[in-house]
Amino acid sequence: MWYKREAESLILHLYVQPGAKKTEIVGVHENELKIRLNTPPIEGRANKELLKYVAQMFKVSPSQVTLKRGAKSRHKTLWVIGTSVDPKALF
């Protein structure tokens, strides 16, 4: 499972592909949600774009999304606080 709900927050396991033509959800890839980002992985720009994109998906402010693991990896763990959006409804 690519996500886990804990109280009023979500833990997300993502596989991120930076430098794509457009930012989009691709689907589930080995128990991780695969997301393509149109931002290059230079100086943390892709991570910042990912946090903004996930915040939009879950209808929260970017400050409610935290990168917990994987700052320099394609495999990332994010924490989303205060969302009522069902992850299954995203795609």
N, C-alpha and C. Protein backbone atom coordinates (compact mmCIF):
# COMPACT_ATOMS: atom_id res chain seq x y z
N MET A 1 0.84 -1.17 0.00
CA MET A 1 0.00 0.00 0.00
C MET A 1 0.89 1.24 0.00
N TRP A 2 0.58 2.19 -0.84
CA TRP A 2 1.42 3.37 -1.00
C TRP A 2 1.11 4.49 -0.01
N TYR A 3 0.08 4.29 0.81
CA TYR A 3 -0.24 5.30 1.82
C TYR A 3 -0.71 4.63 3.10
N LYS A 4 -0.64 5.39 4.18
CA LYS A 4 -1.11 4.91 5.48
C LYS A 4 -1.73 6.09 6.21
N ARG A 5 -2.95 5.93 6.67
CA ARG A 5 -3.61 7.00 7.41
C ARG A 5 -3.32 6.85 8.90
N GLU A 6 -2.91 7.94 9.52
CA GLU A 6 -2.66 7.97 10.96
C GLU A 6 -3.37 9.19 11.52
N ALA A 7 -4.46 8.96 12.26
CA ALA A 7 -5.28 10.03 12.85
C ALA A 7 -5.69 11.01 11.75
N GLU A 8 -5.27 12.26 11.83
CA GLU A 8 -5.64 13.26 10.84
C GLU A 8 -4.54 13.50 9.81
N SER A 9 -3.66 12.54 9.63
CA SER A 9 -2.57 12.72 8.68
C SER A 9 -2.41 11.48 7.81
N LEU A 10 -1.63 11.65 6.75
CA LEU A 10 -1.31 10.55 5.83
C LEU A 10 0.19 10.43 5.70
N ILE A 11 0.67 9.21 5.60
CA ILE A 11 2.06 8.95 5.25
C ILE A 11 2.02 8.38 3.84
N LEU A 12 2.75 9.02 2.93
CA LEU A 12 2.75 8.63 1.52
C LEU A 12 4.12 8.08 1.13
N HIS A 13 4.10 7.00 0.37
CA HIS A 13 5.33 6.44 -0.19
C HIS A 13 5.28 6.69 -1.69
N LEU A 14 6.24 7.45 -2.18
CA LEU A 14 6.23 7.90 -3.57
C LEU A 14 7.49 7.49 -4.31
N TYR A 15 7.32 7.27 -5.62
CA TYR A 15 8.44 7.11 -6.53
C TYR A 15 8.34 8.30 -7.49
N VAL A 16 9.35 9.15 -7.49
CA VAL A 16 9.30 10.41 -8.22
C VAL A 16 10.27 10.37 -9.40
N GLN A 17 9.76 10.80 -10.56
CA GLN A 17 10.57 10.89 -11.77
C GLN A 17 10.68 12.37 -12.17
N PRO A 18 11.78 13.03 -11.79
CA PRO A 18 11.94 14.45 -12.15
C PRO A 18 12.36 14.61 -13.61
N GLY A 19 12.18 15.82 -14.13
CA GLY A 19 12.61 16.12 -15.49
C GLY A 19 11.67 15.60 -16.56
N ALA A 20 10.41 15.30 -16.22
CA ALA A 20 9.44 14.80 -17.19
C ALA A 20 8.85 15.98 -17.99
N LYS A 21 8.09 15.66 -19.03
CA LYS A 21 7.47 16.70 -19.85
C LYS A 21 6.39 17.45 -19.08
N LYS A 22 5.63 16.73 -18.23
CA LYS A 22 4.61 17.40 -17.43
C LYS A 22 4.48 16.72 -16.08
N THR A 23 3.95 17.45 -15.12
CA THR A 23 3.74 16.92 -13.78
C THR A 23 2.42 16.17 -13.76
N GLU A 24 2.49 14.89 -13.34
CA GLU A 24 1.28 14.06 -13.33
C GLU A 24 1.48 12.83 -12.47
N ILE A 25 0.35 12.25 -12.04
CA ILE A 25 0.36 10.96 -11.36
C ILE A 25 0.34 9.89 -12.44
N VAL A 26 1.22 8.91 -12.33
CA VAL A 26 1.29 7.84 -13.32
C VAL A 26 0.50 6.62 -12.86
N GLY A 27 0.60 6.29 -11.58
CA GLY A 27 -0.07 5.12 -11.03
C GLY A 27 0.77 4.54 -9.92
N VAL A 28 0.45 3.32 -9.54
CA VAL A 28 1.18 2.66 -8.46
C VAL A 28 2.33 1.86 -9.06
N HIS A 29 3.52 2.01 -8.48
CA HIS A 29 4.74 1.36 -8.94
C HIS A 29 5.39 0.70 -7.74
N GLU A 30 5.26 -0.62 -7.62
CA GLU A 30 5.87 -1.38 -6.52
C GLU A 30 5.54 -0.79 -5.15
N ASN A 31 4.25 -0.66 -4.84
CA ASN A 31 3.76 -0.14 -3.56
C ASN A 31 4.14 1.32 -3.29
N GLU A 32 4.41 2.07 -4.33
CA GLU A 32 4.65 3.50 -4.23
C GLU A 32 3.83 4.19 -5.32
N LEU A 33 3.32 5.37 -5.02
CA LEU A 33 2.63 6.14 -6.03
C LEU A 33 3.69 6.82 -6.90
N LYS A 34 3.61 6.59 -8.21
CA LYS A 34 4.60 7.17 -9.12
C LYS A 34 4.09 8.51 -9.61
N ILE A 35 4.94 9.52 -9.44
CA ILE A 35 4.62 10.88 -9.88
C ILE A 35 5.75 11.38 -10.77
N ARG A 36 5.37 11.91 -11.93
CA ARG A 36 6.34 12.56 -12.81
C ARG A 36 6.30 14.06 -12.54
N LEU A 37 7.48 14.67 -12.47
CA LEU A 37 7.59 16.11 -12.24
C LEU A 37 8.28 16.76 -13.42
N ASN A 38 7.78 17.92 -13.84
CA ASN A 38 8.43 18.62 -14.96
C ASN A 38 9.56 19.53 -14.49
N THR A 39 10.01 19.34 -13.26
CA THR A 39 11.09 20.14 -12.69
C THR A 39 12.36 19.30 -12.59
N PRO A 40 13.52 19.85 -12.94
CA PRO A 40 14.76 19.07 -12.83
C PRO A 40 15.20 18.92 -11.37
N PRO A 41 15.94 17.85 -11.07
CA PRO A 41 16.39 17.62 -9.70
C PRO A 41 17.65 18.41 -9.35
N ILE A 42 17.56 19.72 -9.46
CA ILE A 42 18.71 20.58 -9.22
C ILE A 42 18.42 21.47 -8.01
N GLU A 43 19.33 21.44 -7.03
CA GLU A 43 19.25 22.29 -5.83
C GLU A 43 17.90 22.19 -5.12
N GLY A 44 17.32 21.00 -5.08
CA GLY A 44 16.08 20.78 -4.34
C GLY A 44 14.82 21.29 -5.00
N ARG A 45 14.93 21.75 -6.26
CA ARG A 45 13.75 22.31 -6.94
C ARG A 45 12.66 21.26 -7.14
N ALA A 46 13.05 20.04 -7.49
CA ALA A 46 12.05 18.99 -7.71
C ALA A 46 11.34 18.65 -6.40
N ASN A 47 12.05 18.62 -5.30
CA ASN A 47 11.42 18.35 -4.01
C ASN A 47 10.41 19.44 -3.65
N LYS A 48 10.77 20.70 -3.88
CA LYS A 48 9.84 21.80 -3.59
C LYS A 48 8.60 21.70 -4.46
N GLU A 49 8.79 21.38 -5.73
CA GLU A 49 7.65 21.22 -6.65
C GLU A 49 6.78 20.05 -6.21
N LEU A 50 7.40 18.96 -5.77
CA LEU A 50 6.65 17.80 -5.30
C LEU A 50 5.77 18.16 -4.11
N LEU A 51 6.32 18.88 -3.14
CA LEU A 51 5.54 19.26 -1.96
C LEU A 51 4.35 20.14 -2.34
N LYS A 52 4.55 21.08 -3.28
CA LYS A 52 3.44 21.92 -3.74
C LYS A 52 2.39 21.10 -4.47
N TYR A 53 2.83 20.17 -5.31
CA TYR A 53 1.90 19.33 -6.07
C TYR A 53 1.08 18.44 -5.14
N VAL A 54 1.73 17.82 -4.17
CA VAL A 54 1.02 16.96 -3.22
C VAL A 54 0.05 17.79 -2.38
N ALA A 55 0.44 18.98 -2.00
CA ALA A 55 -0.46 19.87 -1.24
C ALA A 55 -1.72 20.18 -2.05
N GLN A 56 -1.57 20.43 -3.34
CA GLN A 56 -2.74 20.68 -4.20
C GLN A 56 -3.61 19.44 -4.29
N MET A 57 -2.99 18.28 -4.45
CA MET A 57 -3.75 17.03 -4.57
C MET A 57 -4.61 16.78 -3.34
N PHE A 58 -4.06 17.06 -2.17
CA PHE A 58 -4.75 16.76 -0.92
C PHE A 58 -5.44 17.97 -0.30
N LYS A 59 -5.49 19.08 -1.05
CA LYS A 59 -6.21 20.29 -0.65
C LYS A 59 -5.78 20.80 0.72
N VAL A 60 -4.47 20.92 0.89
CA VAL A 60 -3.88 21.49 2.11
C VAL A 60 -2.85 22.53 1.68
N SER A 61 -2.37 23.31 2.63
CA SER A 61 -1.32 24.28 2.30
C SER A 61 0.02 23.55 2.21
N PRO A 62 0.96 24.08 1.45
CA PRO A 62 2.27 23.42 1.34
C PRO A 62 2.98 23.23 2.67
N SER A 63 2.68 24.07 3.65
CA SER A 63 3.32 23.92 4.96
C SER A 63 2.82 22.68 5.71
N GLN A 64 1.74 22.07 5.24
CA GLN A 64 1.20 20.87 5.87
C GLN A 64 1.74 19.59 5.23
N VAL A 65 2.67 19.73 4.30
CA VAL A 65 3.30 18.58 3.64
C VAL A 65 4.79 18.61 3.97
N THR A 66 5.29 17.50 4.51
CA THR A 66 6.69 17.42 4.94
C THR A 66 7.37 16.24 4.28
N LEU A 67 8.57 16.46 3.77
CA LEU A 67 9.40 15.39 3.24
C LEU A 67 10.12 14.73 4.40
N LYS A 68 9.75 13.49 4.70
CA LYS A 68 10.32 12.78 5.85
C LYS A 68 11.57 11.99 5.48
N ARG A 69 11.58 11.44 4.26
CA ARG A 69 12.72 10.62 3.85
C ARG A 69 12.87 10.69 2.34
N GLY A 70 14.12 10.66 1.85
CA GLY A 70 14.38 10.58 0.42
C GLY A 70 14.69 11.89 -0.26
N ALA A 71 15.28 12.83 0.44
CA ALA A 71 15.58 14.13 -0.16
C ALA A 71 16.45 14.02 -1.41
N LYS A 72 17.33 13.03 -1.47
CA LYS A 72 18.22 12.86 -2.62
C LYS A 72 17.96 11.54 -3.35
N SER A 73 16.75 11.02 -3.20
CA SER A 73 16.38 9.74 -3.80
C SER A 73 15.07 9.90 -4.57
N ARG A 74 14.82 8.98 -5.49
CA ARG A 74 13.53 8.96 -6.17
C ARG A 74 12.45 8.35 -5.29
N HIS A 75 12.86 7.55 -4.32
CA HIS A 75 11.93 6.94 -3.36
C HIS A 75 11.78 7.89 -2.19
N LYS A 76 10.56 8.39 -1.98
CA LYS A 76 10.34 9.42 -0.97
C LYS A 76 9.19 9.04 -0.05
N THR A 77 9.27 9.51 1.19
CA THR A 77 8.19 9.37 2.16
C THR A 77 7.77 10.77 2.56
N LEU A 78 6.47 11.06 2.40
CA LEU A 78 5.92 12.37 2.74
C LEU A 78 4.88 12.21 3.83
N TRP A 79 4.71 13.26 4.60
CA TRP A 79 3.71 13.31 5.65
C TRP A 79 2.78 14.46 5.33
N VAL A 80 1.47 14.18 5.22
CA VAL A 80 0.47 15.20 4.92
C VAL A 80 -0.44 15.33 6.13
N ILE A 81 -0.51 16.52 6.70
CA ILE A 81 -1.29 16.77 7.91
C ILE A 81 -2.62 17.44 7.55
N GLY A 82 -3.69 16.96 8.16
CA GLY A 82 -4.98 17.65 8.10
C GLY A 82 -5.75 17.54 6.80
N THR A 83 -5.61 16.45 6.08
CA THR A 83 -6.36 16.28 4.84
C THR A 83 -7.56 15.35 5.05
N SER A 84 -8.63 15.65 4.35
CA SER A 84 -9.79 14.76 4.38
C SER A 84 -9.97 14.07 3.03
N VAL A 85 -9.07 14.33 2.10
CA VAL A 85 -9.13 13.72 0.76
C VAL A 85 -8.76 12.25 0.86
N ASP A 86 -9.57 11.41 0.23
CA ASP A 86 -9.30 9.97 0.19
C ASP A 86 -8.24 9.70 -0.88
N PRO A 87 -7.10 9.12 -0.53
CA PRO A 87 -6.06 8.86 -1.53
C PRO A 87 -6.53 7.99 -2.69
N LYS A 88 -7.49 7.12 -2.45
CA LYS A 88 -8.00 6.24 -3.52
C LYS A 88 -8.71 7.04 -4.61
N ALA A 89 -9.19 8.22 -4.28
CA ALA A 89 -9.96 9.03 -5.23
C ALA A 89 -9.07 9.88 -6.15
N LEU A 90 -7.76 9.80 -5.99
CA LEU A 90 -6.85 10.65 -6.77
C LEU A 90 -6.73 10.23 -8.22
N PHE A 91 -6.88 8.94 -8.49
CA PHE A 91 -6.74 8.48 -9.88
C PHE A 91 -7.59 7.27 -10.13
